[in-house]
N, C-alpha and C. Protein backbone atom coordinates (compact mmCIF):
# COMPACT_ATOMS: atom_id res chain seq x y z
N MET A 1 50.27 43.17 -57.64
CA MET A 1 50.54 41.90 -56.98
C MET A 1 49.19 41.27 -56.61
N GLU A 2 48.99 40.06 -57.01
CA GLU A 2 47.75 39.33 -56.75
C GLU A 2 47.81 38.63 -55.40
N PRO A 3 46.68 38.54 -54.68
CA PRO A 3 46.68 37.79 -53.41
C PRO A 3 46.90 36.30 -53.65
N THR A 4 47.42 35.65 -52.66
CA THR A 4 47.60 34.20 -52.68
C THR A 4 46.28 33.56 -52.24
N ILE A 5 45.80 32.60 -53.00
CA ILE A 5 44.57 31.89 -52.66
C ILE A 5 44.94 30.57 -52.00
N TRP A 6 44.32 30.29 -50.87
CA TRP A 6 44.59 29.06 -50.14
C TRP A 6 43.27 28.39 -49.80
N ARG A 7 43.19 27.14 -50.11
CA ARG A 7 42.01 26.33 -49.79
C ARG A 7 42.17 25.91 -48.33
N SER A 8 41.57 26.68 -47.42
CA SER A 8 41.79 26.49 -45.99
C SER A 8 41.07 25.29 -45.40
N SER A 9 40.05 24.81 -46.09
CA SER A 9 39.30 23.64 -45.63
C SER A 9 38.54 23.09 -46.82
N ASP A 10 37.72 22.10 -46.58
CA ASP A 10 36.91 21.59 -47.68
C ASP A 10 35.63 22.40 -47.87
N THR A 11 35.53 23.54 -47.16
CA THR A 11 34.32 24.38 -47.27
C THR A 11 34.59 25.82 -47.67
N ALA A 12 35.85 26.25 -47.70
CA ALA A 12 36.12 27.68 -47.97
C ALA A 12 37.50 27.90 -48.59
N SER A 13 37.64 29.04 -49.24
CA SER A 13 38.93 29.51 -49.74
C SER A 13 39.22 30.86 -49.10
N ARG A 14 40.49 31.12 -48.83
CA ARG A 14 40.91 32.39 -48.25
C ARG A 14 41.97 33.02 -49.14
N THR A 15 42.08 34.34 -49.06
CA THR A 15 43.17 35.00 -49.75
C THR A 15 44.06 35.68 -48.71
N PHE A 16 45.35 35.74 -49.05
CA PHE A 16 46.36 36.32 -48.18
C PHE A 16 47.26 37.25 -48.98
N CYS A 17 47.83 38.23 -48.33
CA CYS A 17 48.82 39.08 -48.96
C CYS A 17 50.08 38.24 -49.17
N PRO A 18 50.58 38.14 -50.40
CA PRO A 18 51.77 37.32 -50.64
C PRO A 18 53.04 37.93 -50.04
N ARG A 19 52.99 39.20 -49.69
CA ARG A 19 54.17 39.85 -49.14
C ARG A 19 54.26 39.68 -47.62
N CYS A 20 53.14 39.93 -46.91
CA CYS A 20 53.19 39.89 -45.43
C CYS A 20 52.41 38.74 -44.82
N GLY A 21 51.54 38.08 -45.60
CA GLY A 21 50.77 36.95 -45.10
C GLY A 21 49.46 37.31 -44.41
N SER A 22 49.10 38.59 -44.40
CA SER A 22 47.85 39.00 -43.75
C SER A 22 46.63 38.41 -44.45
N THR A 23 45.67 37.97 -43.65
CA THR A 23 44.40 37.48 -44.19
C THR A 23 43.68 38.64 -44.86
N MET A 24 43.11 38.37 -46.04
CA MET A 24 42.38 39.42 -46.75
C MET A 24 40.90 39.09 -46.88
N THR A 25 40.58 37.91 -47.43
CA THR A 25 39.18 37.56 -47.65
C THR A 25 38.93 36.09 -47.39
N MET A 26 37.63 35.74 -47.33
CA MET A 26 37.20 34.35 -47.24
C MET A 26 35.92 34.20 -48.04
N VAL A 27 35.84 33.12 -48.82
CA VAL A 27 34.63 32.80 -49.58
C VAL A 27 34.24 31.37 -49.24
N LEU A 28 33.03 31.22 -48.71
CA LEU A 28 32.52 29.89 -48.40
C LEU A 28 31.91 29.27 -49.64
N ASP A 29 32.13 27.99 -49.84
CA ASP A 29 31.58 27.29 -51.00
C ASP A 29 30.06 27.38 -51.05
N LYS A 30 29.42 27.34 -49.89
CA LYS A 30 27.95 27.34 -49.87
C LYS A 30 27.36 28.73 -50.14
N ASP A 31 28.20 29.76 -50.17
CA ASP A 31 27.72 31.12 -50.45
C ASP A 31 28.77 31.87 -51.28
N PRO A 32 29.04 31.40 -52.52
CA PRO A 32 30.12 31.98 -53.32
C PRO A 32 29.86 33.42 -53.78
N SER A 33 28.64 33.89 -53.67
CA SER A 33 28.35 35.27 -54.07
C SER A 33 28.68 36.28 -52.96
N SER A 34 29.08 35.78 -51.79
CA SER A 34 29.40 36.63 -50.65
C SER A 34 30.87 36.48 -50.29
N THR A 35 31.57 37.59 -50.18
CA THR A 35 32.99 37.57 -49.81
C THR A 35 33.16 38.24 -48.47
N GLY A 36 33.73 37.52 -47.51
CA GLY A 36 34.04 38.10 -46.21
C GLY A 36 35.36 38.84 -46.30
N VAL A 37 35.40 40.07 -45.85
CA VAL A 37 36.60 40.90 -45.91
C VAL A 37 37.12 41.10 -44.49
N ALA A 38 38.39 40.83 -44.27
CA ALA A 38 39.00 41.04 -42.95
C ALA A 38 39.01 42.54 -42.66
N ALA A 39 38.40 42.94 -41.56
CA ALA A 39 38.26 44.36 -41.23
C ALA A 39 39.60 45.07 -41.14
N GLY A 40 40.64 44.38 -40.72
CA GLY A 40 41.96 44.99 -40.59
C GLY A 40 42.58 45.39 -41.92
N THR A 41 42.00 44.94 -43.02
CA THR A 41 42.53 45.32 -44.33
C THR A 41 41.97 46.64 -44.83
N LEU A 42 40.98 47.18 -44.14
CA LEU A 42 40.31 48.39 -44.61
C LEU A 42 40.95 49.63 -44.01
N ASP A 43 41.17 50.61 -44.83
CA ASP A 43 41.74 51.88 -44.40
C ASP A 43 40.63 52.92 -44.43
N VAL A 44 40.08 53.24 -43.27
CA VAL A 44 38.93 54.15 -43.22
C VAL A 44 39.31 55.57 -43.65
N ASN A 45 40.58 55.90 -43.66
CA ASN A 45 41.01 57.22 -44.10
C ASN A 45 41.38 57.23 -45.58
N SER A 46 41.07 56.14 -46.26
CA SER A 46 41.37 56.01 -47.67
C SER A 46 40.44 56.88 -48.49
N GLU A 47 40.86 57.19 -49.70
CA GLU A 47 39.99 57.93 -50.61
C GLU A 47 38.90 57.03 -51.18
N HIS A 48 39.03 55.71 -50.97
CA HIS A 48 38.06 54.76 -51.47
C HIS A 48 36.94 54.58 -50.45
N LEU A 49 35.74 54.41 -50.95
CA LEU A 49 34.58 54.21 -50.08
C LEU A 49 34.59 52.80 -49.52
N VAL A 50 34.48 52.68 -48.22
CA VAL A 50 34.39 51.38 -47.58
C VAL A 50 32.91 51.01 -47.54
N PRO A 51 32.54 49.89 -48.16
CA PRO A 51 31.11 49.53 -48.19
C PRO A 51 30.57 49.18 -46.81
N ARG A 52 29.29 49.42 -46.62
CA ARG A 52 28.62 49.08 -45.36
C ARG A 52 28.53 47.56 -45.25
N ALA A 53 28.71 47.06 -44.07
CA ALA A 53 28.60 45.62 -43.84
C ALA A 53 27.17 45.16 -44.11
N GLY A 54 27.03 44.01 -44.75
CA GLY A 54 25.71 43.45 -44.99
C GLY A 54 25.21 42.67 -43.80
N LYS A 55 26.15 42.13 -43.03
CA LYS A 55 25.80 41.38 -41.82
C LYS A 55 27.04 41.24 -40.96
N HIS A 56 26.81 41.04 -39.67
CA HIS A 56 27.88 40.77 -38.71
C HIS A 56 27.72 39.31 -38.31
N ILE A 57 28.71 38.48 -38.64
CA ILE A 57 28.60 37.05 -38.34
C ILE A 57 29.47 36.69 -37.13
N PHE A 58 29.16 35.58 -36.49
CA PHE A 58 29.85 35.11 -35.28
C PHE A 58 29.84 36.20 -34.21
N TYR A 59 28.73 36.92 -34.13
CA TYR A 59 28.60 38.06 -33.23
C TYR A 59 28.81 37.68 -31.77
N LYS A 60 28.33 36.50 -31.39
CA LYS A 60 28.48 36.04 -30.01
C LYS A 60 29.95 35.83 -29.63
N GLU A 61 30.80 35.59 -30.62
CA GLU A 61 32.22 35.31 -30.37
C GLU A 61 33.10 36.55 -30.51
N ARG A 62 32.51 37.73 -30.66
CA ARG A 62 33.29 38.95 -30.84
C ARG A 62 34.12 39.25 -29.59
N ALA A 63 35.15 40.05 -29.78
CA ALA A 63 35.97 40.48 -28.65
C ALA A 63 35.12 41.29 -27.68
N GLY A 64 35.38 41.16 -26.39
CA GLY A 64 34.59 41.85 -25.38
C GLY A 64 34.57 43.35 -25.53
N TRP A 65 35.61 43.92 -26.11
CA TRP A 65 35.69 45.37 -26.27
C TRP A 65 35.03 45.86 -27.55
N PHE A 66 34.66 44.93 -28.46
CA PHE A 66 34.12 45.34 -29.76
C PHE A 66 32.64 45.66 -29.67
N VAL A 67 32.27 46.82 -30.18
CA VAL A 67 30.87 47.23 -30.27
C VAL A 67 30.58 47.44 -31.76
N ALA A 68 29.70 46.63 -32.30
CA ALA A 68 29.34 46.77 -33.72
C ALA A 68 28.59 48.08 -33.92
N PRO A 69 28.85 48.74 -35.04
CA PRO A 69 28.13 49.99 -35.29
C PRO A 69 26.64 49.74 -35.48
N ASP A 70 25.85 50.73 -35.15
CA ASP A 70 24.41 50.64 -35.34
C ASP A 70 24.13 51.04 -36.79
N ASP A 71 24.48 50.13 -37.71
CA ASP A 71 24.41 50.44 -39.13
C ASP A 71 23.24 49.74 -39.83
N GLY A 72 22.38 49.11 -39.05
CA GLY A 72 21.23 48.43 -39.63
C GLY A 72 21.50 47.02 -40.10
N SER A 73 22.76 46.59 -40.05
CA SER A 73 23.10 45.23 -40.46
C SER A 73 22.62 44.24 -39.42
N LYS A 74 22.16 43.08 -39.88
CA LYS A 74 21.73 42.04 -38.96
C LYS A 74 22.95 41.41 -38.30
N LYS A 75 22.75 40.92 -37.08
CA LYS A 75 23.82 40.27 -36.32
C LYS A 75 23.47 38.80 -36.14
N PHE A 76 24.41 37.93 -36.49
CA PHE A 76 24.20 36.49 -36.41
C PHE A 76 25.25 35.87 -35.49
N ASP A 77 24.82 34.97 -34.62
CA ASP A 77 25.76 34.29 -33.73
C ASP A 77 26.53 33.19 -34.46
N VAL A 78 25.93 32.63 -35.50
CA VAL A 78 26.60 31.60 -36.30
C VAL A 78 26.39 31.92 -37.78
N TRP A 79 27.19 31.29 -38.62
CA TRP A 79 27.07 31.48 -40.06
C TRP A 79 25.81 30.79 -40.55
N GLY A 80 25.05 31.46 -41.40
CA GLY A 80 23.91 30.83 -42.04
C GLY A 80 22.61 30.90 -41.29
N GLU A 81 22.53 31.66 -40.22
CA GLU A 81 21.26 31.80 -39.49
C GLU A 81 20.24 32.49 -40.36
């Protein structure tokens, strides 16, 4: 089953699960080589390797309880810093 692609704005496209509607990915037009993956879609107990994050974006807006791992990834308060 292929994800549903939705043009969410004039700057990005998102994909959703066609069965449950969960957000899966986002690709910004200005950075098409980078795909944002919704963390809730990842199964850390999976047999598949979960890639290390390249960056943490919108870090200033994170949930108060969220602590980003000390994985060496840069943290940005806004997109494109």
